Amino acid sequence: MKLPNGVTNIAQRAFYYCPELTEVTTYGTVFNDDPEAMIHPYYCLEGCSQLTRFEIPQSIRILGQGLLGGNRKVTQLTIPANVTQINFSAFNNTGIKEVKVEGITPPQVFEKIWYGFPDDITVIRVPAESVENIKPQLVGKTTQTKYKRPDDLSEFSVIIVKVDSTSAFL
């Protein structure tokens, strides 16, 4: 399924229990400035057991509760720069291992565990200039966080890697 990047609302349970849905991708330009553009809470993509790829439309500002609830096959996710708020447990109980946050200002969250991502998340990529902004939202995770600079200092040059030992900034 392809969604336009200018979409303003995706209703709650819009794709609820669509077992044949394998990917949701986006296309086109963003032409929407609606600050309330959102993927509504309550399990928009829950029960999509074959979903392996999910792209958040660029116009969306708010990600609702339980957005990918129970989905274990989507392992990578990009949070567009326009996202300003991520609601409770949006990504809890999912298979997400790697996240790329495009915005310099991290989205507002309403829980202490960073966006409700699974405990076994391995990589969170953020723009270098946003590391200090995002550190407070990582407090309270069950394991320590290690901040690491990759060899290729590209656009997203800081990688936050979750590890089980001590924290260090390299």
Protein backbone atom coordinates (compact mmCIF):
# COMPACT_ATOMS: atom_id res chain seq x y z
CA MET A 1 0.00 0.00 0.00
CA LYS A 2 1.22 3.51 -0.82
CA LEU A 3 0.22 6.58 1.17
CA PRO A 4 0.79 10.16 0.01
CA ASN A 5 3.30 12.12 2.10
CA GLY A 6 0.67 14.88 2.41
CA VAL A 7 -1.91 12.73 4.22
CA THR A 8 -3.24 14.48 7.34
CA ASN A 9 -5.01 11.72 9.24
CA ILE A 10 -4.98 7.97 9.39
CA ALA A 11 -7.95 6.70 11.38
CA GLN A 12 -7.67 4.43 14.41
CA ARG A 13 -7.63 0.78 13.38
CA ALA A 14 -7.36 1.85 9.71
CA PHE A 15 -5.40 -1.30 8.88
CA TYR A 16 -6.36 -3.33 11.94
CA TYR A 17 -5.89 -7.05 11.34
CA CYS A 18 -4.96 -6.91 7.67
CA PRO A 19 -2.93 -10.15 7.65
CA GLU A 20 -1.98 -9.84 3.96
CA LEU A 21 -0.59 -6.30 4.23
CA THR A 22 3.19 -6.56 3.75
CA GLU A 23 4.31 -2.93 3.45
CA VAL A 24 3.13 0.64 3.79
CA THR A 25 5.28 3.08 1.83
CA THR A 26 4.95 6.78 1.05
CA TYR A 27 5.23 8.91 -2.08
CA GLY A 28 5.07 12.50 -3.24
CA THR A 29 5.77 15.82 -1.64
CA VAL A 30 4.57 17.26 1.64
CA PHE A 31 2.10 20.06 1.12
CA ASN A 32 0.38 20.02 4.49
CA ASP A 33 1.07 22.28 7.48
CA ASP A 34 -1.64 20.88 9.79
CA PRO A 35 -0.07 20.75 13.31
CA GLU A 36 -2.67 18.14 14.32
CA ALA A 37 -1.95 15.74 11.44
CA MET A 38 -1.80 12.35 13.07
CA ILE A 39 -1.97 8.62 12.94
CA HIS A 40 -4.78 8.16 15.43
CA PRO A 41 -4.34 6.11 18.56
CA TYR A 42 -5.59 2.64 19.12
CA TYR A 43 -3.78 0.18 17.05
CA CYS A 44 -3.72 1.45 13.49
CA LEU A 45 -1.56 -1.46 12.29
CA GLU A 46 -2.08 -4.06 15.01
CA GLY A 47 -2.54 -7.59 13.73
CA CYS A 48 -0.77 -7.03 10.39
CA SER A 49 1.31 -10.15 10.87
CA GLN A 50 3.04 -9.98 7.47
CA LEU A 51 3.96 -6.27 7.61
CA THR A 52 7.72 -5.93 7.10
CA ARG A 53 8.02 -2.24 6.14
CA PHE A 54 6.27 0.84 7.45
CA GLU A 55 7.05 4.42 6.36
CA ILE A 56 5.54 7.27 8.33
CA PRO A 57 4.17 9.95 5.95
CA GLN A 58 6.23 13.17 6.09
CA SER A 59 3.21 15.35 6.96
CA ILE A 60 2.29 13.41 10.13
CA ARG A 61 2.98 15.28 13.38
CA ILE A 62 1.52 12.91 16.03
CA LEU A 63 1.96 9.15 16.31
CA GLY A 64 -0.85 7.46 18.20
CA GLN A 65 -0.82 4.87 20.97
CA GLY A 66 -0.18 1.28 19.91
CA LEU A 67 0.65 2.30 16.34
CA LEU A 68 2.51 -0.93 15.48
CA GLY A 69 1.31 -2.96 18.48
CA GLY A 70 2.36 -6.60 18.30
CA ASN A 71 4.09 -6.28 14.93
CA ARG A 72 7.35 -8.26 15.08
CA LYS A 73 8.50 -8.08 11.42
CA VAL A 74 9.09 -4.33 11.04
CA THR A 75 12.67 -4.05 12.30
CA GLN A 76 13.64 -0.57 11.03
CA LEU A 77 11.78 2.71 11.36
CA THR A 78 12.39 6.34 10.40
CA ILE A 79 10.76 9.08 12.46
CA PRO A 80 10.31 12.06 10.08
CA ALA A 81 11.46 15.51 11.17
CA ASN A 82 7.86 16.78 11.25
CA VAL A 83 6.84 14.39 14.05
CA THR A 84 6.37 16.46 17.21
CA GLN A 85 4.70 13.95 19.52
CA ILE A 86 4.79 10.21 20.07
CA ASN A 87 2.05 8.86 22.29
CA PHE A 88 2.33 6.21 24.97
CA SER A 89 3.41 2.78 23.77
CA ALA A 90 3.36 3.64 20.07
CA PHE A 91 6.08 1.05 19.38
CA ASN A 92 5.82 -1.26 22.37
CA ASN A 93 5.74 -5.02 21.75
CA THR A 94 7.26 -4.71 18.27
CA GLY A 95 10.31 -6.10 16.49
CA ILE A 96 11.94 -2.70 15.92
CA LYS A 97 15.73 -2.92 16.29
CA GLU A 98 16.89 0.23 14.47
CA VAL A 99 15.42 3.74 14.47
CA LYS A 100 16.46 6.84 12.59
CA VAL A 101 15.19 10.14 14.03
CA GLU A 102 15.38 12.88 11.40
CA GLY A 103 14.43 15.86 13.57
CA ILE A 104 16.91 17.91 15.57
CA THR A 105 14.30 18.52 18.27
CA PRO A 106 13.11 15.15 19.56
CA PRO A 107 9.35 14.55 19.59
CA GLN A 108 7.52 15.06 22.87
CA VAL A 109 6.82 11.82 24.74
CA PHE A 110 4.54 10.95 27.62
CA GLU A 111 6.41 8.10 29.22
CA LYS A 112 9.85 7.68 30.73
CA ILE A 113 10.92 4.83 28.47
CA TRP A 114 11.95 6.40 25.19
CA TYR A 115 8.94 6.16 22.86
CA GLY A 116 8.02 2.74 24.16
CA PHE A 117 10.49 1.00 21.91
CA PRO A 118 11.28 -2.62 22.77
CA ASP A 119 13.94 -3.29 25.41
CA ASP A 120 16.14 -5.04 22.85
CA ILE A 121 16.40 -2.09 20.43
CA THR A 122 19.99 -1.89 19.22
CA VAL A 123 20.48 1.39 17.31
CA ILE A 124 18.95 4.85 17.43
CA ARG A 125 20.39 7.22 14.83
CA VAL A 126 19.99 10.95 15.42
CA PRO A 127 21.49 14.08 13.86
CA ALA A 128 24.70 15.01 15.66
CA GLU A 129 23.27 18.29 16.89
CA SER A 130 20.35 16.56 18.65
CA VAL A 131 22.27 14.20 20.97
CA GLU A 132 22.10 16.56 23.96
CA ASN A 133 18.35 17.07 23.40
CA ILE A 134 17.59 13.38 23.28
CA LYS A 135 19.76 12.18 26.19
CA PRO A 136 17.15 13.08 28.86
CA GLN A 137 14.56 10.96 27.09
CA LEU A 138 16.82 7.92 27.32
CA VAL A 139 16.99 8.08 31.11
CA GLY A 140 15.23 5.17 32.74
CA LYS A 141 16.01 2.52 30.16
CA THR A 142 16.71 -0.85 31.67
CA THR A 143 20.27 -0.96 30.34
CA GLN A 144 22.91 1.65 29.80
CA THR A 145 23.31 3.62 26.61
CA LYS A 146 26.53 4.06 24.69
CA TYR A 147 27.03 7.01 22.38
CA LYS A 148 29.26 6.16 19.46
CA ARG A 149 30.55 8.03 16.43
CA PRO A 150 30.64 5.86 13.31
CA ASP A 151 33.55 5.88 10.90
CA ASP A 152 31.55 7.60 8.20
CA LEU A 153 30.54 10.99 9.59
CA SER A 154 27.52 11.36 7.34
CA GLU A 155 24.32 13.35 7.76
CA PHE A 156 23.29 11.22 10.74
CA SER A 157 26.66 11.01 12.35
CA VAL A 158 25.80 10.02 15.89
CA ILE A 159 24.60 6.53 16.60
CA ILE A 160 23.19 5.64 19.96
CA VAL A 161 23.80 1.99 20.71
CA LYS A 162 22.20 0.21 23.62
CA VAL A 163 24.65 -1.97 25.52
CA ASP A 164 24.55 -3.98 28.73
CA SER A 165 27.70 -2.57 30.35
CA THR A 166 28.78 0.99 31.07
CA SER A 167 28.03 4.21 29.25
CA ALA A 168 30.63 6.11 27.30
CA PHE A 169 30.78 8.85 24.71
CA LEU A 170 33.33 8.14 22.01
